[in-house]
Amino acid sequence: MTPNPLEELTLEQLRRRTSMKWRAYPADVLPLWVAEMDVNLAPEVAQAIHRAVDAGDTGYPHGKGYATAVSEFAGRRWQWDGLSVGRTRVVPDVMLGVVELLRLVTDRGDTVIVNSPVYAPFYAFVSHDGRNVAEAPLGADGRIDLDALEDAFHQARNQAGRNGKVGYLLCNPHNPTGAVHTADELSAVAALARQYDIAVVSDEIHAPLILPGARFTPYLSVPGAENALALTSASKAWNLAGLKAALAVAGPESAADLRRMPEEVGHGASHLGLIGHTAAFSSAGDWLDALLRGLDENRTLLAHLVNEHLPGVRLLHPQGTYLAWLDCRELGFDEEHSDGIKVVSDLSGPARWFVAHARVALSSGHVFGTGGAGHVRLNFATSQAILTEAITRMGRAVRERA
C-alpha cells in the first residue's frame, strides 16, 4: 500500500520551500491557509517531469494527451463516459479558464451569480473582467440553497431582460465548505438554469478530492446540463499549482461556444505543466488513494481537536477538498470591514487574531463573501503533528484570552 503522503515531510523540510504558503508569514507561524498541500510530488508525476527535463523536452505543448487522461480518469473514478476529448480545450489554469468561458457566454456588464461564501478569486476575476457579481447565499449547512438560487436567477433574469445574458459560476465541490453536491442537487440546479436561461460554468478543480461518505457528480453528467461548460485540473489533488495547465470541457450543446475560444488562450499552459497533469490523471491513482486516506484520517482528527481545544467553534464537516470551514462567531472577535474586492491574503476577525496570538495562519472568512465574516478556512492537508500543534496553539490562545 502506498504510504500516506501527508506524513513524509517534517516541518523543517517544509520550511525550506519557497512557495507562498511557506514564505508569506514568519518562520514561527504554522501556515494552514492557502490551498497548497504539505506533500512531495507523486512519484509518477515527478518521473514524467524529470524525463522531459532530461530529454530537453521543454517546448510548446501539443496533442490531446491531457484531455484523454482526464476522460479516462472520469470513467474510472466517476463512471462518467460523457467527457468527449473533442469537446475540450487546454487553458492556462482554472481561474483564467473561468474568465475565458464566461466571456463566451456573457458580455461586459452582465451578471454572474455565485454561491457565497465561495472561493474569493471568483469575485476578483469576474469583476475585473467587467461582469457584476450577484450572490445566492448557501444554506446554514454549507450547501446550495435552491430557493435562494432561484431568487437570484429570477432577479438577474428580470434585470437582464428577455434577450440579456446571465451566468452562474458553480463551485463543485464547494470551496470553502467542502460540500460535495449530490446528483439530485445538481439536477435541480440544471433545471433552474434551463428555466431562467442561465449559462452555467462549473469549477471542478477539487473533483478528485472526494472523501469517504460522498460521491462526486460532474455537473455536465446530469440531465439538463448539456449546454454548460466546466473546468478541471490536477493542481489541487496532486499539488501542482505551480505547473500551469487546466482543461475546459463543453457539454454537447455548448461545443460551439467552446470552439469560439481564441486559439491563443491555450498557449498560456506550460508544456511541463501538461506533462505533469497528464501523468497525475493517468498514472498517479494509487498516490491519490493514499492521500485521500490520509485526508480522511486528518478530517477525523481535526473534529476531535476542535471539540477538545476550541469548544466555542463549530466545524462544518467537509465531504471533499482538504479545506475545513470553522464558525468562530461565538468567540466574539471584532471584524475589520473594508471596501472593495478582497484577496486571499487579507485578514480580518478571527484569522487576524489567531495569527497574532496563536501564530497559526488561516484564511479569513470575510474574503469569501456574504456569510464569511466570523469564520476561518483551515487547510488540513498536512501532517497530524502539525495539525495537532496548530489547533492546540489556537485553543491555548483562546483560553488565555478568557
Protein backbone atom coordinates (compact mmCIF):
# COMPACT_ATOMS: atom_id res chain seq x y z
CA MET A 1 0.00 0.00 0.00
CA THR A 2 1.27 3.47 -0.89
CA PRO A 3 2.39 5.39 2.25
CA ASN A 4 0.41 8.41 3.43
CA PRO A 5 1.91 11.36 1.50
CA LEU A 6 0.94 13.75 4.31
CA GLU A 7 3.33 12.09 6.75
CA GLU A 8 6.50 12.11 4.63
CA LEU A 9 7.82 15.62 5.32
CA THR A 10 8.97 17.23 8.55
CA LEU A 11 8.30 20.81 9.50
CA GLU A 12 11.99 21.56 8.96
CA GLN A 13 11.82 20.21 5.41
CA LEU A 14 8.66 22.16 4.65
CA ARG A 15 10.20 25.41 5.82
CA ARG A 16 12.80 25.13 3.06
CA ARG A 17 10.10 25.64 0.46
CA THR A 18 9.87 28.97 -1.32
CA SER A 19 6.19 28.90 -2.27
CA MET A 20 3.58 31.33 -0.98
CA LYS A 21 2.35 29.04 1.78
CA TRP A 22 5.73 28.85 3.45
CA ARG A 23 7.13 32.32 2.78
CA ALA A 24 4.18 34.69 3.34
CA TYR A 25 4.50 34.51 7.15
CA PRO A 26 7.41 34.48 9.63
CA ALA A 27 9.01 31.14 10.44
CA ASP A 28 7.25 30.79 13.80
CA VAL A 29 3.80 30.75 12.13
CA LEU A 30 2.20 27.44 11.16
CA PRO A 31 0.60 28.06 7.74
CA LEU A 32 -2.76 26.33 7.33
CA TRP A 33 -4.22 28.84 4.91
CA VAL A 34 -3.63 28.84 1.13
CA ALA A 35 -4.52 25.64 -0.78
CA GLU A 36 -1.10 24.03 -1.04
CA MET A 37 -0.57 20.58 0.44
CA ASP A 38 2.40 19.51 2.55
CA VAL A 39 3.38 16.61 0.30
CA ASN A 40 6.08 15.53 -2.10
CA LEU A 41 5.11 15.08 -5.73
CA ALA A 42 3.53 11.77 -6.63
CA PRO A 43 6.44 9.66 -7.96
CA GLU A 44 4.72 9.14 -11.32
CA VAL A 45 4.39 12.90 -11.78
CA ALA A 46 7.96 13.61 -10.70
CA GLN A 47 9.31 10.93 -13.03
CA ALA A 48 7.37 12.29 -16.01
CA ILE A 49 8.69 15.81 -15.42
CA HIS A 50 12.25 14.58 -14.88
CA ARG A 51 12.13 12.59 -18.11
CA ALA A 52 11.02 15.68 -20.02
CA VAL A 53 13.74 17.85 -18.50
CA ASP A 54 16.43 15.23 -19.05
CA ALA A 55 15.35 14.99 -22.71
CA GLY A 56 15.22 18.76 -23.14
CA ASP A 57 11.51 18.39 -23.89
CA THR A 58 10.59 21.91 -22.82
CA GLY A 59 8.99 23.34 -25.94
CA TYR A 60 5.41 24.07 -26.87
CA PRO A 61 2.57 21.70 -25.85
CA HIS A 62 0.83 19.58 -28.46
CA GLY A 63 -1.84 16.94 -28.74
CA LYS A 64 -4.81 15.64 -26.74
CA GLY A 65 -2.98 13.54 -24.16
CA TYR A 66 -4.17 15.66 -21.25
CA ALA A 67 -7.82 15.53 -22.32
CA THR A 68 -7.58 11.78 -22.88
CA ALA A 69 -6.13 11.25 -19.41
CA VAL A 70 -8.90 13.29 -17.78
CA SER A 71 -11.59 11.50 -19.80
CA GLU A 72 -10.26 8.07 -18.81
CA PHE A 73 -9.94 9.18 -15.17
CA ALA A 74 -13.59 10.34 -15.22
CA GLY A 75 -14.64 6.94 -16.50
CA ARG A 76 -12.68 5.06 -13.82
CA ARG A 77 -13.49 7.29 -10.86
CA TRP A 78 -16.94 8.67 -11.60
CA GLN A 79 -18.30 6.15 -14.10
CA TRP A 80 -18.82 9.05 -16.49
CA ASP A 81 -18.15 8.38 -20.15
CA GLY A 82 -19.54 11.70 -21.34
CA LEU A 83 -16.28 13.65 -21.30
CA SER A 84 -15.59 13.82 -25.02
CA VAL A 85 -11.98 14.68 -25.88
CA GLY A 86 -13.31 16.50 -28.93
CA ARG A 87 -15.20 18.95 -26.69
CA THR A 88 -12.19 20.10 -24.66
CA ARG A 89 -9.66 22.91 -24.77
CA VAL A 90 -6.49 23.44 -22.76
CA VAL A 91 -6.37 26.66 -20.72
CA PRO A 92 -3.58 28.09 -18.51
CA ASP A 93 -5.35 27.40 -15.20
CA VAL A 94 -8.86 27.08 -13.86
CA MET A 95 -9.45 30.72 -12.92
CA LEU A 96 -8.17 32.08 -16.22
CA GLY A 97 -10.34 29.43 -17.82
CA VAL A 98 -13.33 30.70 -15.85
CA VAL A 99 -12.76 34.17 -17.28
CA GLU A 100 -12.46 32.87 -20.84
CA LEU A 101 -15.55 30.68 -20.59
CA LEU A 102 -17.63 33.47 -19.10
CA ARG A 103 -16.51 35.67 -22.00
CA LEU A 104 -18.07 33.13 -24.34
CA VAL A 105 -21.49 33.15 -22.66
CA THR A 106 -21.79 36.65 -21.11
CA ASP A 107 -20.84 40.20 -22.02
CA ARG A 108 -19.31 43.06 -20.08
CA GLY A 109 -21.89 44.49 -17.71
CA ASP A 110 -23.77 41.20 -17.38
CA THR A 111 -24.40 39.49 -14.05
CA VAL A 112 -22.64 36.33 -12.84
CA ILE A 113 -24.16 34.58 -9.83
CA VAL A 114 -22.09 32.77 -7.17
CA ASN A 115 -22.97 30.84 -4.01
CA SER A 116 -21.49 32.75 -1.10
CA PRO A 117 -19.39 32.14 0.89
CA VAL A 118 -17.25 30.99 -2.01
CA TYR A 119 -13.65 31.00 -3.25
CA ALA A 120 -12.51 34.63 -3.06
CA PRO A 121 -10.97 34.87 -6.56
CA PHE A 122 -14.43 34.31 -8.05
CA TYR A 123 -15.23 37.89 -7.07
CA ALA A 124 -11.93 39.36 -8.26
CA PHE A 125 -11.60 37.59 -11.61
CA VAL A 126 -15.24 38.07 -12.57
CA SER A 127 -15.35 41.72 -11.51
CA HIS A 128 -12.05 42.64 -13.12
CA ASP A 129 -13.39 41.30 -16.42
CA GLY A 130 -16.31 43.71 -16.31
CA ARG A 131 -19.05 41.42 -15.02
CA ASN A 132 -21.20 42.12 -11.96
CA VAL A 133 -21.22 39.51 -9.20
CA ALA A 134 -24.51 38.65 -7.52
CA GLU A 135 -24.76 36.26 -4.57
CA ALA A 136 -27.10 33.35 -3.88
CA PRO A 137 -26.08 32.51 -0.29
CA LEU A 138 -25.58 28.92 0.80
CA GLY A 139 -27.79 27.44 3.48
CA ALA A 140 -26.69 27.12 7.10
CA ASP A 141 -25.49 23.60 6.24
CA GLY A 142 -22.98 25.00 3.74
CA ARG A 143 -24.89 23.57 0.77
CA ILE A 144 -26.68 25.15 -2.17
CA ASP A 145 -29.99 26.73 -1.11
CA LEU A 146 -32.18 26.12 -4.16
CA ASP A 147 -34.74 28.74 -3.10
CA ALA A 148 -32.03 31.38 -2.74
CA LEU A 149 -30.56 30.31 -6.07
CA GLU A 150 -33.93 30.61 -7.81
CA ASP A 151 -34.45 34.04 -6.29
CA ALA A 152 -31.05 35.14 -7.63
CA PHE A 153 -31.79 33.66 -11.06
CA HIS A 154 -35.20 35.36 -11.17
CA GLN A 155 -33.84 38.75 -10.16
CA ALA A 156 -30.88 38.60 -12.54
CA ARG A 157 -33.08 37.48 -15.43
CA ASN A 158 -35.55 40.33 -14.81
CA GLN A 159 -32.71 42.85 -14.73
CA ALA A 160 -31.12 41.45 -17.87
CA GLY A 161 -34.33 41.36 -19.85
CA ARG A 162 -35.54 38.68 -22.20
CA ASN A 163 -32.52 38.83 -24.51
CA GLY A 164 -29.85 39.62 -21.89
CA LYS A 165 -27.23 37.19 -20.66
CA VAL A 166 -26.74 35.86 -17.13
CA GLY A 167 -24.05 33.49 -15.91
CA TYR A 168 -23.79 31.18 -12.91
CA LEU A 169 -20.35 30.17 -11.63
CA LEU A 170 -20.79 26.90 -9.77
CA CYS A 171 -18.17 25.58 -7.36
CA ASN A 172 -18.35 21.76 -7.47
CA PRO A 173 -17.23 20.57 -4.89
CA HIS A 174 -17.72 23.76 -2.90
CA ASN A 175 -14.83 25.79 -1.53
CA PRO A 176 -14.75 26.68 1.40
CA THR A 177 -17.48 24.48 2.96
CA GLY A 178 -16.32 21.18 1.47
CA ALA A 179 -19.85 20.28 0.33
CA VAL A 180 -19.96 17.68 -2.44
CA HIS A 181 -23.12 18.42 -4.38
CA THR A 182 -25.35 15.41 -4.98
CA ALA A 183 -26.72 14.36 -8.35
CA ASP A 184 -30.20 15.41 -7.22
CA GLU A 185 -28.98 18.85 -6.17
CA LEU A 186 -27.16 19.39 -9.44
CA SER A 187 -30.14 18.16 -11.47
CA ALA A 188 -32.29 20.74 -9.68
CA VAL A 189 -29.68 23.42 -10.46
CA ALA A 190 -29.70 22.41 -14.12
CA ALA A 191 -33.49 22.58 -14.26
CA LEU A 192 -33.46 26.10 -12.79
CA ALA A 193 -30.73 27.19 -15.19
CA ARG A 194 -32.82 25.95 -18.13
CA GLN A 195 -35.94 27.61 -16.78
CA TYR A 196 -34.29 31.01 -16.42
CA ASP A 197 -31.89 30.69 -19.38
CA ILE A 198 -28.74 30.94 -17.25
CA ALA A 199 -25.33 29.98 -18.66
CA VAL A 200 -23.54 27.68 -16.20
CA VAL A 201 -19.77 27.36 -15.79
CA SER A 202 -18.73 24.72 -13.23
CA ASP A 203 -15.35 24.94 -11.46
CA GLU A 204 -14.45 21.31 -10.67
CA ILE A 205 -10.83 21.75 -9.64
CA HIS A 206 -11.38 19.79 -6.39
CA ALA A 207 -13.29 16.96 -8.08
CA PRO A 208 -10.70 14.20 -7.38
CA LEU A 209 -10.65 15.11 -3.68
CA ILE A 210 -13.79 13.31 -2.52
CA LEU A 211 -13.58 11.83 0.97
CA PRO A 212 -15.30 8.63 2.17
CA GLY A 213 -19.04 9.06 2.55
CA ALA A 214 -19.56 11.24 -0.53
CA ARG A 215 -19.62 10.76 -4.29
CA PHE A 216 -18.66 13.30 -6.94
CA THR A 217 -21.08 14.06 -9.76
CA PRO A 218 -19.71 16.00 -12.74
CA TYR A 219 -22.14 18.82 -13.49
CA LEU A 220 -22.10 18.01 -17.20
CA SER A 221 -23.31 14.49 -16.43
CA VAL A 222 -26.70 15.49 -15.01
CA PRO A 223 -29.84 15.82 -17.14
CA GLY A 224 -30.35 19.37 -18.36
CA ALA A 225 -26.69 20.38 -18.10
CA GLU A 226 -25.80 19.53 -21.68
CA ASN A 227 -25.48 23.24 -22.51
CA ALA A 228 -23.00 24.01 -19.71
CA LEU A 229 -19.23 24.35 -19.52
CA ALA A 230 -16.80 23.01 -16.90
CA LEU A 231 -13.17 23.23 -15.87
CA THR A 232 -10.87 20.82 -14.12
CA SER A 233 -7.19 20.37 -13.30
CA ALA A 234 -4.79 18.20 -11.32
CA SER A 235 -3.44 21.21 -9.45
CA LYS A 236 -5.31 20.70 -6.15
CA ALA A 237 -5.46 16.92 -5.91
CA TRP A 238 -1.80 16.40 -6.84
CA ASN A 239 -0.39 19.73 -5.57
CA LEU A 240 0.59 21.09 -8.99
CA ALA A 241 -0.46 24.74 -8.71
CA GLY A 242 2.97 25.85 -9.91
CA LEU A 243 2.71 23.73 -13.07
CA LYS A 244 0.15 25.62 -15.12
CA ALA A 245 -2.42 23.59 -17.06
CA ALA A 246 -6.19 23.10 -16.89
CA LEU A 247 -8.88 21.67 -19.11
CA ALA A 248 -12.13 23.30 -20.27
CA VAL A 249 -14.93 20.87 -21.14
CA ALA A 250 -18.13 21.57 -23.04
CA GLY A 251 -21.44 19.75 -22.88
CA PRO A 252 -22.88 18.55 -26.21
CA GLU A 253 -24.97 21.70 -26.64
CA SER A 254 -22.15 24.09 -25.73
CA ALA A 255 -19.47 22.69 -28.04
CA ALA A 256 -19.96 25.58 -30.45
CA ASP A 257 -19.39 28.05 -27.62
CA LEU A 258 -16.11 26.39 -26.71
CA ARG A 259 -14.96 26.44 -30.34
CA ARG A 260 -15.23 30.23 -30.25
CA MET A 261 -12.50 30.44 -27.62
CA PRO A 262 -9.44 32.14 -29.19
CA GLU A 263 -6.65 29.72 -30.02
CA GLU A 264 -4.08 31.83 -28.15
CA VAL A 265 -5.77 31.13 -24.81
CA GLY A 266 -4.29 27.64 -24.83
CA HIS A 267 -0.79 29.00 -25.37
CA GLY A 268 -0.60 30.03 -21.71
CA ALA A 269 -0.45 26.47 -20.46
CA SER A 270 3.02 25.12 -19.68
CA HIS A 271 4.30 22.10 -21.61
CA LEU A 272 5.81 20.74 -18.40
CA GLY A 273 2.51 21.50 -16.71
CA LEU A 274 0.62 19.44 -19.25
CA ILE A 275 3.11 16.59 -18.83
CA GLY A 276 2.71 16.67 -15.05
CA HIS A 277 -1.07 16.95 -15.05
CA THR A 278 -1.41 14.20 -17.63
CA ALA A 279 0.77 11.86 -15.57
CA ALA A 280 -1.30 12.65 -12.46
CA PHE A 281 -4.62 11.75 -14.04
CA SER A 282 -3.30 8.75 -15.97
CA SER A 283 -0.79 7.12 -13.61
CA ALA A 284 -0.95 8.50 -10.05
CA GLY A 285 -4.21 7.00 -8.86
CA ASP A 286 -2.63 4.90 -6.10
CA TRP A 287 -0.93 8.01 -4.72
CA LEU A 288 -4.26 9.85 -4.77
CA ASP A 289 -5.94 6.98 -2.91
CA ALA A 290 -3.25 7.14 -0.22
CA LEU A 291 -3.71 10.89 0.03
CA LEU A 292 -7.48 10.52 0.43
CA ARG A 293 -6.99 8.01 3.23
CA GLY A 294 -4.67 10.45 4.96
CA LEU A 295 -7.09 13.33 4.50
CA ASP A 296 -9.92 11.24 5.93
CA GLU A 297 -7.81 10.49 9.00
CA ASN A 298 -6.97 14.18 9.33
CA ARG A 299 -10.64 15.14 8.98
CA THR A 300 -11.46 12.84 11.93
CA LEU A 301 -8.52 14.15 13.95
CA LEU A 302 -9.49 17.75 13.25
CA ALA A 303 -13.01 17.18 14.57
CA HIS A 304 -11.59 15.71 17.81
CA LEU A 305 -9.07 18.54 18.19
CA VAL A 306 -11.65 21.28 17.65
CA ASN A 307 -14.02 19.62 20.11
CA GLU A 308 -11.25 19.36 22.73
CA HIS A 309 -9.44 22.67 22.30
CA LEU A 310 -11.96 25.01 20.68
CA PRO A 311 -15.37 24.16 22.19
CA GLY A 312 -16.79 27.54 21.09
CA VAL A 313 -16.01 26.83 17.43
CA ARG A 314 -18.35 24.96 15.05
CA LEU A 315 -16.66 22.83 12.42
CA LEU A 316 -18.64 22.17 9.26
CA HIS A 317 -17.95 18.55 8.29
CA PRO A 318 -16.20 18.63 4.87
CA GLN A 319 -17.19 15.93 2.39
CA GLY A 320 -14.49 16.83 -0.10
CA THR A 321 -11.43 19.03 -0.65
CA TYR A 322 -8.88 19.39 2.16
CA LEU A 323 -10.42 22.60 3.45
CA ALA A 324 -12.44 22.98 6.63
CA TRP A 325 -14.86 25.83 7.40
CA LEU A 326 -14.87 26.90 11.05
CA ASP A 327 -17.52 29.16 12.56
CA CYS A 328 -15.75 31.27 15.20
CA ARG A 329 -18.52 33.80 15.80
CA GLU A 330 -19.13 32.66 19.39
CA LEU A 331 -15.57 33.69 20.23
CA GLY A 332 -16.59 37.32 19.69
CA PHE A 333 -13.71 38.62 17.59
CA ASP A 334 -14.25 42.02 16.02
CA GLU A 335 -14.33 42.16 12.22
CA GLU A 336 -12.46 44.94 10.44
CA HIS A 337 -14.65 45.83 7.46
CA SER A 338 -13.06 47.13 4.28
CA ASP A 339 -14.50 48.16 0.94
CA GLY A 340 -13.60 46.72 -2.43
CA ILE A 341 -12.59 43.28 -3.65
CA LYS A 342 -10.86 41.08 -1.09
CA VAL A 343 -7.86 38.88 -1.85
CA VAL A 344 -6.89 35.59 -0.26
CA SER A 345 -4.16 37.15 1.89
CA ASP A 346 -6.46 39.74 3.50
CA LEU A 347 -7.02 39.20 7.21
CA SER A 348 -9.85 40.21 9.50
CA GLY A 349 -11.61 38.99 12.64
CA PRO A 350 -10.62 35.53 13.92
CA ALA A 351 -7.96 34.90 11.25
CA ARG A 352 -6.19 38.11 12.17
CA TRP A 353 -6.43 37.24 15.88
CA PHE A 354 -5.18 33.66 15.52
CA VAL A 355 -2.09 34.63 13.53
CA ALA A 356 -1.27 37.34 16.07
CA HIS A 357 -1.92 35.35 19.26
CA ALA A 358 -1.56 31.66 18.29
CA ARG A 359 0.92 32.02 15.40
CA VAL A 360 -1.34 29.98 13.13
CA ALA A 361 -2.21 31.34 9.68
CA LEU A 362 -5.72 30.61 8.39
CA SER A 363 -7.75 32.02 5.52
CA SER A 364 -10.01 34.84 6.67
CA GLY A 365 -13.70 34.11 6.21
CA HIS A 366 -14.60 37.62 5.13
CA VAL A 367 -12.81 37.24 1.77
CA PHE A 368 -15.31 34.53 0.76
CA GLY A 369 -18.20 36.99 0.53
CA THR A 370 -21.50 37.29 2.35
CA GLY A 371 -21.72 34.83 5.23
CA GLY A 372 -17.98 34.53 5.65
CA ALA A 373 -17.38 37.07 8.42
CA GLY A 374 -16.56 35.43 11.74
CA HIS A 375 -15.33 32.26 10.03
CA VAL A 376 -11.96 30.87 9.02
CA ARG A 377 -10.93 28.32 6.42
CA LEU A 378 -8.35 25.78 7.55
CA ASN A 379 -6.21 23.64 5.24
CA PHE A 380 -5.82 20.21 6.86
CA ALA A 381 -3.60 18.74 4.13
CA THR A 382 -0.62 18.50 6.46
CA SER A 383 0.88 16.06 8.93
CA GLN A 384 -1.03 15.10 12.03
CA ALA A 385 1.77 16.55 14.15
CA ILE A 386 1.44 19.98 12.52
CA LEU A 387 -2.36 19.85 12.62
CA THR A 388 -2.32 18.90 16.31
CA GLU A 389 0.15 21.64 17.18
CA ALA A 390 -1.85 24.26 15.29
CA ILE A 391 -5.19 23.52 16.98
CA THR A 392 -3.50 23.18 20.35
CA ARG A 393 -1.94 26.63 19.92
CA MET A 394 -5.29 28.10 18.92
CA GLY A 395 -7.04 26.59 21.93
CA ARG A 396 -4.34 27.76 24.33
CA ALA A 397 -4.56 31.30 22.96
CA VAL A 398 -8.34 31.36 23.36
CA ARG A 399 -8.13 30.09 26.95
CA GLU A 400 -5.51 32.70 27.83
CA ARG A 401 -7.76 35.40 26.38
CA ALA A 402 -10.72 34.40 28.57
